[in-house]
Protein backbone atom coordinates (compact mmCIF):
# COMPACT_ATOMS: atom_id res chain seq x y z
CA UNK A 1 9.79 -10.06 12.03
CA UNK A 2 7.10 -8.36 12.08
CA UNK A 3 3.91 -9.80 13.04
CA UNK A 4 0.15 -7.90 13.24
CA UNK A 5 -3.05 -9.14 14.96
CA UNK A 6 -5.38 -9.26 11.97
CA UNK A 7 -8.83 -8.29 12.66
CA UNK A 8 -11.56 -8.06 10.30
CA UNK A 9 -14.44 -5.15 11.36
CA UNK A 10 -16.76 -4.39 8.56
CA UNK A 11 -17.70 -6.32 5.49
CA UNK A 12 -18.94 -3.03 3.44
CA UNK A 13 -17.20 -1.52 0.54
CA UNK A 14 -17.66 2.01 -0.76
CA UNK A 15 -15.95 0.59 -4.07
CA UNK A 16 -17.03 -2.51 -6.63
CA UNK A 17 -13.64 -4.47 -7.06
CA UNK A 18 -13.52 -6.79 -10.00
CA UNK A 19 -10.99 -8.98 -7.75
CA UNK A 20 -12.86 -8.21 -3.94
CA UNK A 21 -12.04 -11.89 -1.67
CA UNK A 22 -14.43 -10.50 0.74
CA UNK A 23 -17.60 -10.53 -1.45
CA UNK A 24 -16.97 -13.97 -2.88
CA UNK A 25 -17.06 -15.16 0.55
CA UNK A 26 -20.62 -13.94 2.43
CA UNK A 27 -18.66 -12.30 6.20
CA UNK A 28 -21.14 -11.71 8.44
CA UNK A 29 -20.83 -8.01 10.03
CA UNK A 30 -18.91 -8.19 13.17
CA UNK A 31 -20.55 -6.66 15.99
CA UNK A 32 -18.37 -3.91 17.70
CA UNK A 33 -18.50 -6.16 21.09
CA UNK A 34 -17.00 -9.48 19.36
CA UNK A 35 -14.25 -6.48 17.95
CA UNK A 36 -13.25 -5.13 21.04
CA UNK A 37 -13.03 -8.44 21.95
CA UNK A 38 -10.75 -9.08 20.05
CA UNK A 39 -8.53 -6.05 20.30
CA UNK A 40 -6.00 -7.75 23.22
CA UNK A 41 -2.68 -7.83 22.85
CA UNK A 42 -1.58 -11.32 23.44
CA UNK A 43 1.80 -12.16 21.84
CA UNK A 44 1.36 -8.59 18.98
CA UNK A 45 2.64 -5.85 19.53
CA UNK A 46 0.24 -4.72 16.37
CA UNK A 47 -2.63 -4.89 15.44
CA UNK A 48 -4.04 -4.76 11.88
CA UNK A 49 -7.83 -4.21 10.96
CA UNK A 50 -9.63 -4.90 7.31
CA UNK A 51 -13.04 -4.55 5.62
CA UNK A 52 -14.48 -4.59 3.52
CA UNK A 53 -13.46 -0.99 4.00
CA UNK A 54 -13.17 -0.21 7.93
CA UNK A 55 -13.37 3.63 7.26
CA UNK A 56 -17.38 3.17 7.13
CA UNK A 57 -17.60 1.51 10.35
CA UNK A 58 -19.38 4.76 12.32
CA UNK A 59 -17.80 3.10 15.84
CA UNK A 60 -13.74 3.34 14.03
CA UNK A 61 -12.73 5.23 16.25
CA UNK A 62 -13.63 3.79 19.78
CA UNK A 63 -12.85 1.08 18.20
CA UNK A 64 -9.31 2.47 17.36
CA UNK A 65 -9.34 4.00 20.77
CA UNK A 66 -10.05 0.86 22.31
CA UNK A 67 -6.23 -0.31 20.64
CA UNK A 68 -3.83 2.00 21.82
CA UNK A 69 -5.67 1.83 25.59
CA UNK A 70 -4.86 -2.02 25.05
CA UNK A 71 -1.48 -1.36 24.16
CA UNK A 72 -1.04 -1.63 21.06
CA UNK A 73 2.09 -0.46 19.22
CA UNK A 74 1.35 -0.49 16.30
CA UNK A 75 -1.77 0.08 14.91
CA UNK A 76 -2.82 -0.14 10.78
CA UNK A 77 -5.80 0.21 8.56
CA UNK A 78 -5.94 -1.20 5.35
CA UNK A 79 -8.19 0.87 3.54
CA UNK A 80 -9.05 2.74 0.27
CA UNK A 81 -8.75 5.42 1.29
CA UNK A 82 -11.03 7.34 -0.22
CA UNK A 83 -12.36 8.88 3.38
CA UNK A 84 -9.80 10.64 4.36
CA UNK A 85 -9.92 12.94 0.68
CA UNK A 86 -11.89 14.90 4.22
CA UNK A 87 -9.38 15.74 6.31
CA UNK A 88 -11.15 16.09 8.91
CA UNK A 89 -12.21 13.12 9.51
CA UNK A 90 -8.25 12.23 8.97
CA UNK A 91 -7.33 14.06 11.44
CA UNK A 92 -10.12 12.07 13.70
CA UNK A 93 -8.43 8.91 13.20
CA UNK A 94 -4.62 10.05 13.59
CA UNK A 95 -5.94 11.35 16.23
CA UNK A 96 -7.66 8.37 18.13
CA UNK A 97 -3.58 6.51 18.16
CA UNK A 98 -4.26 4.79 14.40
CA UNK A 99 0.31 5.10 12.90
CA UNK A 100 0.63 3.28 9.73
CA UNK A 101 -1.96 2.99 6.64
CA UNK A 102 -1.84 0.70 3.85
CA UNK A 103 -3.27 2.42 0.67
CA UNK A 104 -5.18 -0.17 -1.99
CA UNK A 105 -4.84 1.44 -5.52
CA UNK A 106 -5.02 -0.29 -8.87
CA UNK A 107 -3.48 1.79 -11.20
CA UNK A 108 -1.75 4.92 -12.54
CA UNK A 109 -5.08 6.38 -14.35
CA UNK A 110 -8.64 7.05 -13.31
CA UNK A 111 -10.02 5.14 -16.30
CA UNK A 112 -7.58 2.14 -14.68
CA UNK A 113 -8.26 2.41 -11.10
CA UNK A 114 -12.02 3.06 -11.45
CA UNK A 115 -12.67 0.52 -14.11
CA UNK A 116 -11.89 -2.11 -11.75
CA UNK A 117 -12.89 -0.56 -8.36
CA UNK A 118 -16.06 -0.12 -10.71
CA UNK A 119 -16.34 2.89 -8.88
CA UNK A 120 -16.23 6.71 -11.10
CA UNK A 121 -14.24 8.96 -9.00
CA UNK A 122 -12.39 6.21 -6.58
CA UNK A 123 -9.19 7.16 -8.08
CA UNK A 124 -9.72 11.30 -7.33
CA UNK A 125 -10.76 10.19 -4.29
CA UNK A 126 -8.01 7.74 -3.30
CA UNK A 127 -5.54 10.35 -4.58
CA UNK A 128 -6.70 12.99 -2.14
CA UNK A 129 -6.15 10.81 0.62
CA UNK A 130 -2.90 10.13 0.06
CA UNK A 131 -2.44 13.87 -0.53
CA UNK A 132 -4.10 14.58 3.18
CA UNK A 133 -2.29 11.83 4.66
CA UNK A 134 0.95 13.47 3.76
CA UNK A 135 0.63 16.56 5.04
CA UNK A 136 0.63 15.67 8.99
CA UNK A 137 3.66 15.63 10.59
CA UNK A 138 2.95 13.34 13.36
CA UNK A 139 4.30 10.48 13.15
CA UNK A 140 3.06 8.04 10.46
CA UNK A 141 3.67 4.98 8.36
CA UNK A 142 2.34 4.93 4.50
CA UNK A 143 2.03 1.71 2.27
CA UNK A 144 0.73 1.46 -1.00
CA UNK A 145 -0.89 -1.59 -1.75
CA UNK A 146 -1.19 -2.95 -5.57
CA UNK A 147 -3.05 -5.61 -6.19
CA UNK A 148 -1.71 -7.41 -9.51
CA UNK A 149 -4.61 -8.86 -11.62
CA UNK A 150 -5.00 -9.25 -15.52
CA UNK A 151 -6.10 -5.31 -16.19
CA UNK A 152 -3.13 -3.94 -14.15
CA UNK A 153 0.14 -5.75 -14.51
CA UNK A 154 1.26 -3.86 -17.87
CA UNK A 155 0.45 -0.53 -15.51
CA UNK A 156 2.31 -1.49 -12.80
CA UNK A 157 5.54 0.61 -13.61
CA UNK A 158 3.66 3.53 -14.34
CA UNK A 159 1.39 3.16 -11.11
CA UNK A 160 5.14 2.44 -8.88
CA UNK A 161 6.65 5.74 -10.21
CA UNK A 162 3.17 7.71 -10.08
CA UNK A 163 3.25 6.71 -5.95
CA UNK A 164 7.09 8.01 -5.57
CA UNK A 165 5.88 11.55 -6.13
CA UNK A 166 3.70 10.94 -2.71
CA UNK A 167 6.27 10.35 1.21
CA UNK A 168 5.44 7.21 1.10
CA UNK A 169 7.13 4.52 3.25
CA UNK A 170 7.12 1.45 1.62
CA UNK A 171 4.53 -0.73 -1.34
CA UNK A 172 3.55 -3.39 -1.85
CA UNK A 173 2.67 -5.54 -5.10
CA UNK A 174 0.67 -8.32 -4.27
CA UNK A 175 -0.57 -10.74 -6.70
CA UNK A 176 -4.14 -13.17 -5.59
CA UNK A 177 -4.87 -12.81 -9.06
CA UNK A 178 -4.84 -16.85 -10.41
CA UNK A 179 -6.48 -16.47 -14.03
CA UNK A 180 -2.76 -14.40 -14.87
CA UNK A 181 0.35 -15.82 -15.92
CA UNK A 182 3.69 -15.04 -13.37
CA UNK A 183 5.50 -15.89 -16.26
CA UNK A 184 4.02 -13.23 -18.68
CA UNK A 185 3.63 -9.81 -15.17
CA UNK A 186 7.27 -11.48 -13.60
CA UNK A 187 8.85 -8.79 -16.73
CA UNK A 188 6.59 -5.83 -15.45
CA UNK A 189 7.06 -6.66 -11.62
CA UNK A 190 10.35 -6.48 -11.95
CA UNK A 191 10.68 -3.37 -13.49
CA UNK A 192 8.40 -1.89 -10.59
CA UNK A 193 10.74 -3.29 -8.43
CA UNK A 194 13.74 -1.44 -9.92
CA UNK A 195 11.90 1.40 -10.49
CA UNK A 196 11.10 1.53 -6.66
CA UNK A 197 14.91 0.52 -5.49
CA UNK A 198 16.66 3.56 -7.71
CA UNK A 199 13.96 6.07 -5.86
CA UNK A 200 15.20 4.72 -2.27
CA UNK A 201 11.50 2.83 -1.16
CA UNK A 202 11.24 0.16 0.05
CA UNK A 203 8.83 -2.61 -2.31
CA UNK A 204 8.17 -5.99 -1.56
CA UNK A 205 5.94 -8.60 -3.16
CA UNK A 206 3.15 -10.61 -2.10
CA UNK A 207 1.88 -13.88 -2.99
CA UNK A 208 5.44 -14.78 -5.48
CA UNK A 209 7.68 -17.88 -4.54
CA UNK A 210 11.72 -17.58 -4.20
CA UNK A 211 11.58 -19.39 -7.35
CA UNK A 212 10.64 -16.88 -9.93
CA UNK A 213 12.75 -13.65 -8.20
CA UNK A 214 15.72 -14.10 -9.91
CA UNK A 215 18.04 -12.20 -7.71
CA UNK A 216 15.00 -10.26 -5.26
CA UNK A 217 14.40 -12.82 -3.17
CA UNK A 218 15.28 -10.19 -0.54
CA UNK A 219 12.33 -8.36 -1.54
CA UNK A 220 9.84 -11.28 -0.80
CA UNK A 221 6.85 -9.39 2.04
CA UNK A 222 6.58 -13.52 3.24
CA UNK A 223 10.02 -13.69 4.71
CA UNK A 224 9.20 -11.20 7.00
CA UNK A 225 5.67 -11.32 7.84
CA UNK A 226 5.25 -15.44 7.60
CA UNK A 227 3.04 -16.83 4.71
CA UNK A 228 -0.06 -17.33 6.48
CA UNK A 229 -0.46 -12.86 5.49
CA UNK A 230 -3.07 -13.90 1.79
CA UNK A 231 -6.14 -15.46 4.28
CA UNK A 232 -7.37 -18.83 2.36
CA UNK A 233 -4.22 -19.62 0.25
CA UNK A 234 -3.72 -23.03 0.16
CA UNK A 235 0.12 -24.43 -1.06
CA UNK A 236 0.83 -26.85 -2.65
CA UNK A 237 4.76 -28.38 -3.60
CA UNK A 238 5.75 -29.06 -7.75
CA UNK A 239 8.21 -31.14 -8.87
CA UNK A 240 10.57 -28.71 -8.62
CA UNK A 241 10.69 -28.10 -4.51
CA UNK A 242 12.89 -30.56 -3.83
CA UNK A 243 15.71 -29.70 -5.45
CA UNK A 244 15.32 -26.39 -3.96
CA UNK A 245 17.63 -24.78 -1.49
CA UNK A 246 14.85 -22.86 -0.60
CA UNK A 247 12.28 -25.82 0.47
CA UNK A 248 13.00 -24.82 4.10
CA UNK A 249 11.79 -21.54 3.89
CA UNK A 250 9.02 -21.54 0.63
CA UNK A 251 5.60 -23.67 1.03
CA UNK A 252 5.00 -24.40 -2.27
CA UNK A 253 2.59 -22.31 -5.21
CA UNK A 254 -0.83 -21.44 -4.58
CA UNK A 255 -3.18 -24.33 -5.56
CA UNK A 256 -5.81 -22.89 -7.37
CA UNK A 257 -2.13 -21.29 -9.76
CA UNK A 258 -0.83 -24.60 -10.20
CA UNK A 259 -4.44 -26.27 -11.12
CA UNK A 260 -4.42 -23.54 -14.19
CA UNK A 261 -0.57 -23.07 -14.78
CA UNK A 262 1.07 -26.36 -14.30
CA UNK A 263 4.85 -25.97 -12.55
CA UNK A 264 6.20 -26.06 -15.49
CA UNK A 265 7.91 -22.24 -15.52
CA UNK A 266 8.97 -23.02 -11.57
CA UNK A 267 12.82 -23.97 -11.93
CA UNK A 268 14.53 -24.80 -8.45
CA UNK A 269 17.23 -22.78 -7.19
CA UNK A 270 20.33 -23.94 -6.53
CA UNK A 271 22.64 -21.60 -5.38
CA UNK A 272 21.84 -17.98 -4.00
CA UNK A 273 23.71 -14.98 -2.63
CA UNK A 274 20.71 -14.01 -0.01
CA UNK A 275 20.72 -17.70 0.85
CA UNK A 276 22.69 -17.49 3.94
CA UNK A 277 21.19 -13.86 5.20
CA UNK A 278 17.72 -15.16 4.21
CA UNK A 279 18.04 -18.35 6.81
CA UNK A 280 19.51 -16.20 9.14
CA UNK A 281 15.89 -14.56 9.38
CA UNK A 282 13.92 -18.16 9.48
CA UNK A 283 16.50 -19.20 13.42
C-alpha cells in the first residue's frame, strides 16, 4: 500500500471553490517551524503537502528541500496548479525535490471550472500549469484529481477525455459531495472510468463503496491507500453490509450521505471475481 504522511501547510487559496472543506473548518495557518517538525519519515517514505493551496507559501521551497534531505522518496503536492503557469516557479519546485503532483480540476471547460472555483481565469491557468508540467523530462508523476459534485457530475466523461490529451499518469474521481446521489452519478462515473481504461491511463475512485462499483472494484483507491484518505469522514454500516463479502474491508457508507439519501440503493455483493485478489492486498 502507498501511504503518505499528510501535512497541512496552508489555509489560504487563490480559488474560492464552492465545495472547499478547508474554508468551513477555519484551520489556522501553520508556521514553518511546526511544519518542519512534522517532516520526519517515521513509518512513511512519502509525504503529501496539501492546503488550501500549498504553492502560495513563500517558504514552500525550503519545506520541500527539508523533506528531501530527511529521506522522503516520494514528495507530493496537492494543488490547483495555477502558479505552475509560471514555468520558472515550477522549475524551482521540481529542483527542490518534488516529484509527484496532484492537480485538481473541476470540469472540461472554463465556464464550468471557473463557476465552481468562483475565480475567473482559473481554468486557463490550471491548464497552462499542467502543460508546463508535462514538458519536463525529469522523473515526475502527474495525477489529475476530479472532485465530483452536483455541478459537474454529468461532465465527467468530457473532463477525463480532455485531460487524456496530456501526458498524465493517473486520474482520481473523488466523491465528496453528499448532496449528490451516488446512484445518479454512477452512470457518468462508469463511463469516465471506461474512457480512461480504453486509453490505458490508470483511474481510481475515492469515496465510493464496493457495492456500487459493479465489476470495477479494483479501481477503488482506498484498497491501496486505506479508508482515511479523506479527512473527517464518518462511516456507518447499513442493513445490507452484513451480507456482503467485502464487509471485512469496507467500513460502510459516509454517515452524512446515509442520513440524506438512506440505504436502499446499496445492495450486498454475494460473489465477485476480484474478491480473492483484493483480499490478498489486505493480507
